[in-house]
Amino acid sequence: MKTHRLQGMHLATLLFLSGCTAALQSNSSGESGCNASEISISDYRSNSHPHTWTAKCRDKTYQCSGSDMLKQQGASCRQVSD
């Protein structure tokens, strides 16, 4: 029973993160000039306010932040490398 509960928690976490990743990609796309499907997300930190993450697209890296990742607004990204 304990194993099933643990697997369920992992599945719920993965589902949440996949939805969160799509929102982060969408929020980053307007700031980077890339389509959301071109963006990879890493280093997401929800324990800070605002939330922070790294977005990569077309060989460029952006450091992004935003206060509400479920909205299509409010993200800010700055290019940190080519």
N, C-alpha and C. Protein backbone atom coordinates (compact mmCIF):
# COMPACT_ATOMS: atom_id res chain seq x y z
N MET A 1 0.82 -1.19 0.00
CA MET A 1 0.00 0.00 0.00
C MET A 1 0.87 1.26 0.00
N LYS A 2 1.94 1.25 0.80
CA LYS A 2 2.83 2.39 0.89
C LYS A 2 3.49 2.67 -0.46
N THR A 3 3.87 1.63 -1.19
CA THR A 3 4.50 1.79 -2.50
C THR A 3 3.55 2.44 -3.49
N HIS A 4 2.30 2.05 -3.49
CA HIS A 4 1.31 2.65 -4.39
C HIS A 4 1.10 4.12 -4.08
N ARG A 5 1.08 4.46 -2.79
CA ARG A 5 0.90 5.85 -2.40
C ARG A 5 2.10 6.67 -2.87
N LEU A 6 3.30 6.16 -2.72
CA LEU A 6 4.51 6.85 -3.15
C LEU A 6 4.53 7.02 -4.67
N GLN A 7 4.13 5.98 -5.41
CA GLN A 7 4.06 6.09 -6.86
C GLN A 7 3.03 7.13 -7.28
N GLY A 8 1.93 7.18 -6.59
CA GLY A 8 0.90 8.17 -6.88
C GLY A 8 1.39 9.59 -6.66
N MET A 9 2.18 9.78 -5.60
CA MET A 9 2.74 11.10 -5.34
C MET A 9 3.73 11.50 -6.44
N HIS A 10 4.54 10.54 -6.90
CA HIS A 10 5.48 10.83 -7.98
C HIS A 10 4.74 11.18 -9.26
N LEU A 11 3.69 10.47 -9.55
CA LEU A 11 2.89 10.74 -10.75
C LEU A 11 2.25 12.12 -10.66
N ALA A 12 1.70 12.46 -9.52
CA ALA A 12 1.09 13.78 -9.34
C ALA A 12 2.13 14.88 -9.50
N THR A 13 3.32 14.67 -8.97
CA THR A 13 4.40 15.64 -9.11
C THR A 13 4.78 15.81 -10.57
N LEU A 14 4.91 14.71 -11.30
CA LEU A 14 5.26 14.78 -12.72
C LEU A 14 4.19 15.50 -13.53
N LEU A 15 2.93 15.23 -13.25
CA LEU A 15 1.84 15.90 -13.95
C LEU A 15 1.84 17.40 -13.66
N PHE A 16 2.07 17.76 -12.41
CA PHE A 16 2.14 19.17 -12.04
C PHE A 16 3.30 19.84 -12.75
N LEU A 17 4.47 19.21 -12.74
CA LEU A 17 5.65 19.81 -13.36
C LEU A 17 5.50 19.93 -14.86
N SER A 18 4.84 18.97 -15.51
CA SER A 18 4.67 19.07 -16.96
C SER A 18 3.76 20.25 -17.30
N GLY A 19 2.74 20.48 -16.52
CA GLY A 19 1.88 21.65 -16.73
C GLY A 19 2.62 22.93 -16.42
N CYS A 20 3.42 22.90 -15.38
CA CYS A 20 4.21 24.06 -15.00
C CYS A 20 5.23 24.38 -16.08
N THR A 21 5.86 23.36 -16.64
CA THR A 21 6.86 23.56 -17.69
C THR A 21 6.22 24.22 -18.91
N ALA A 22 5.05 23.79 -19.29
CA ALA A 22 4.35 24.41 -20.43
C ALA A 22 4.07 25.88 -20.15
N ALA A 23 3.65 26.22 -18.93
CA ALA A 23 3.40 27.61 -18.58
C ALA A 23 4.69 28.42 -18.60
N LEU A 24 5.77 27.84 -18.10
CA LEU A 24 7.06 28.53 -18.11
C LEU A 24 7.55 28.76 -19.54
N GLN A 25 7.38 27.76 -20.40
CA GLN A 25 7.77 27.91 -21.80
C GLN A 25 6.97 29.02 -22.45
N SER A 26 5.69 29.04 -22.19
CA SER A 26 4.81 30.06 -22.77
C SER A 26 5.18 31.45 -22.26
N ASN A 27 5.40 31.58 -20.96
CA ASN A 27 5.79 32.86 -20.39
C ASN A 27 7.14 33.33 -20.91
N SER A 28 8.06 32.42 -21.15
CA SER A 28 9.39 32.76 -21.62
C SER A 28 9.40 33.12 -23.10
N SER A 29 8.45 32.61 -23.85
CA SER A 29 8.48 32.80 -25.30
C SER A 29 8.35 34.27 -25.70
N GLY A 30 7.50 35.00 -25.04
CA GLY A 30 7.35 36.41 -25.37
C GLY A 30 8.58 37.23 -25.05
N GLU A 31 9.28 36.83 -24.04
CA GLU A 31 10.48 37.55 -23.62
C GLU A 31 11.71 37.20 -24.46
N SER A 32 11.75 35.97 -24.96
CA SER A 32 12.95 35.51 -25.69
C SER A 32 12.81 35.64 -27.20
N GLY A 33 11.58 35.79 -27.68
CA GLY A 33 11.36 35.83 -29.12
C GLY A 33 11.30 34.46 -29.76
N CYS A 34 11.28 33.41 -28.97
CA CYS A 34 11.19 32.03 -29.45
C CYS A 34 9.77 31.51 -29.29
N ASN A 35 9.41 30.52 -30.07
CA ASN A 35 8.14 29.83 -29.85
C ASN A 35 8.27 28.99 -28.60
N ALA A 36 7.17 28.80 -27.88
CA ALA A 36 7.19 28.02 -26.64
C ALA A 36 7.75 26.62 -26.88
N SER A 37 7.46 26.02 -28.03
CA SER A 37 7.92 24.66 -28.32
C SER A 37 9.43 24.58 -28.52
N GLU A 38 10.10 25.70 -28.73
CA GLU A 38 11.54 25.73 -28.93
C GLU A 38 12.31 25.87 -27.62
N ILE A 39 11.62 26.15 -26.54
CA ILE A 39 12.26 26.51 -25.28
C ILE A 39 12.38 25.31 -24.35
N SER A 40 13.56 25.14 -23.79
CA SER A 40 13.74 24.13 -22.73
C SER A 40 13.91 24.88 -21.41
N ILE A 41 13.33 24.33 -20.36
CA ILE A 41 13.32 24.95 -19.04
C ILE A 41 14.18 24.13 -18.09
N SER A 42 14.97 24.81 -17.27
CA SER A 42 15.75 24.13 -16.23
C SER A 42 15.87 25.05 -15.02
N ASP A 43 16.39 24.52 -13.95
CA ASP A 43 16.68 25.29 -12.73
C ASP A 43 15.48 26.04 -12.18
N TYR A 44 14.30 25.44 -12.29
CA TYR A 44 13.09 26.10 -11.76
C TYR A 44 13.14 26.12 -10.24
N ARG A 45 12.89 27.29 -9.66
CA ARG A 45 12.88 27.42 -8.20
C ARG A 45 11.60 28.12 -7.77
N SER A 46 10.80 27.37 -7.06
CA SER A 46 9.52 27.92 -6.60
C SER A 46 9.61 28.42 -5.17
N ASN A 47 10.74 28.18 -4.52
CA ASN A 47 10.87 28.58 -3.12
C ASN A 47 11.33 30.03 -2.99
N SER A 48 11.53 30.69 -4.11
CA SER A 48 11.89 32.10 -4.08
C SER A 48 10.70 32.91 -4.59
N HIS A 49 10.65 34.17 -4.25
CA HIS A 49 9.60 35.03 -4.80
C HIS A 49 10.26 36.26 -5.37
N PRO A 50 10.21 36.49 -6.63
CA PRO A 50 9.43 35.72 -7.59
C PRO A 50 10.09 34.38 -7.92
N HIS A 51 9.34 33.49 -8.55
CA HIS A 51 9.87 32.21 -9.01
C HIS A 51 10.94 32.50 -10.06
N THR A 52 11.94 31.63 -10.15
CA THR A 52 13.01 31.82 -11.14
C THR A 52 13.23 30.54 -11.92
N TRP A 53 13.73 30.67 -13.16
CA TRP A 53 14.05 29.52 -14.00
C TRP A 53 14.99 29.96 -15.10
N THR A 54 15.60 28.97 -15.74
CA THR A 54 16.47 29.21 -16.89
C THR A 54 15.75 28.70 -18.12
N ALA A 55 15.73 29.52 -19.17
CA ALA A 55 15.13 29.15 -20.44
C ALA A 55 16.23 29.14 -21.50
N LYS A 56 16.25 28.08 -22.33
CA LYS A 56 17.24 28.00 -23.40
C LYS A 56 16.51 27.85 -24.73
N CYS A 57 16.99 28.60 -25.71
CA CYS A 57 16.39 28.57 -27.04
C CYS A 57 17.39 29.10 -28.06
N ARG A 58 17.50 28.40 -29.18
CA ARG A 58 18.36 28.84 -30.28
C ARG A 58 19.76 29.20 -29.82
N ASP A 59 20.35 28.33 -29.00
CA ASP A 59 21.72 28.51 -28.49
C ASP A 59 21.89 29.73 -27.60
N LYS A 60 20.81 30.26 -27.06
CA LYS A 60 20.88 31.37 -26.13
C LYS A 60 20.26 30.95 -24.81
N THR A 61 20.77 31.51 -23.72
CA THR A 61 20.28 31.20 -22.38
C THR A 61 19.73 32.46 -21.75
N TYR A 62 18.55 32.31 -21.13
CA TYR A 62 17.86 33.43 -20.49
C TYR A 62 17.61 33.08 -19.03
N GLN A 63 17.82 34.04 -18.14
CA GLN A 63 17.43 33.90 -16.75
C GLN A 63 16.10 34.61 -16.60
N CYS A 64 15.08 33.88 -16.14
CA CYS A 64 13.72 34.41 -16.09
C CYS A 64 13.18 34.40 -14.67
N SER A 65 12.19 35.25 -14.45
CA SER A 65 11.50 35.27 -13.16
C SER A 65 10.06 35.74 -13.38
N GLY A 66 9.21 35.38 -12.46
CA GLY A 66 7.81 35.77 -12.53
C GLY A 66 7.08 35.41 -11.26
N SER A 67 6.00 36.11 -10.98
CA SER A 67 5.29 35.88 -9.72
C SER A 67 4.16 34.87 -9.82
N ASP A 68 3.58 34.68 -11.00
CA ASP A 68 2.48 33.73 -11.15
C ASP A 68 2.65 32.99 -12.46
N MET A 69 3.11 31.76 -12.40
CA MET A 69 3.47 31.00 -13.60
C MET A 69 2.26 30.47 -14.37
N LEU A 70 1.08 30.52 -13.77
CA LEU A 70 -0.09 30.01 -14.47
C LEU A 70 -0.73 31.07 -15.35
N LYS A 71 -0.29 32.30 -15.22
CA LYS A 71 -0.80 33.38 -16.06
C LYS A 71 0.14 33.58 -17.24
N GLN A 72 -0.37 34.11 -18.32
CA GLN A 72 0.43 34.36 -19.51
C GLN A 72 1.08 35.74 -19.46
N GLN A 73 1.36 36.23 -18.30
CA GLN A 73 1.94 37.57 -18.18
C GLN A 73 2.79 37.62 -16.94
N GLY A 74 3.56 38.68 -16.84
CA GLY A 74 4.31 38.91 -15.62
C GLY A 74 5.69 38.29 -15.58
N ALA A 75 6.12 37.60 -16.63
CA ALA A 75 7.46 37.02 -16.64
C ALA A 75 8.45 38.04 -17.18
N SER A 76 9.66 37.96 -16.68
CA SER A 76 10.72 38.81 -17.15
C SER A 76 11.94 37.94 -17.40
N CYS A 77 12.55 38.05 -18.57
CA CYS A 77 13.72 37.26 -18.91
C CYS A 77 14.83 38.17 -19.43
N ARG A 78 16.05 37.85 -19.09
CA ARG A 78 17.18 38.58 -19.65
C ARG A 78 18.19 37.57 -20.18
N GLN A 79 18.77 37.88 -21.30
CA GLN A 79 19.73 36.97 -21.91
C GLN A 79 21.01 36.99 -21.11
N VAL A 80 21.53 35.80 -20.78
CA VAL A 80 22.76 35.71 -20.01
C VAL A 80 23.91 35.10 -20.79
N SER A 81 23.63 34.44 -21.94
CA SER A 81 24.71 33.91 -22.78
C SER A 81 24.20 33.62 -24.18
N ASP A 82 25.13 33.57 -25.12
CA ASP A 82 24.83 33.22 -26.51
C ASP A 82 25.08 31.76 -26.74
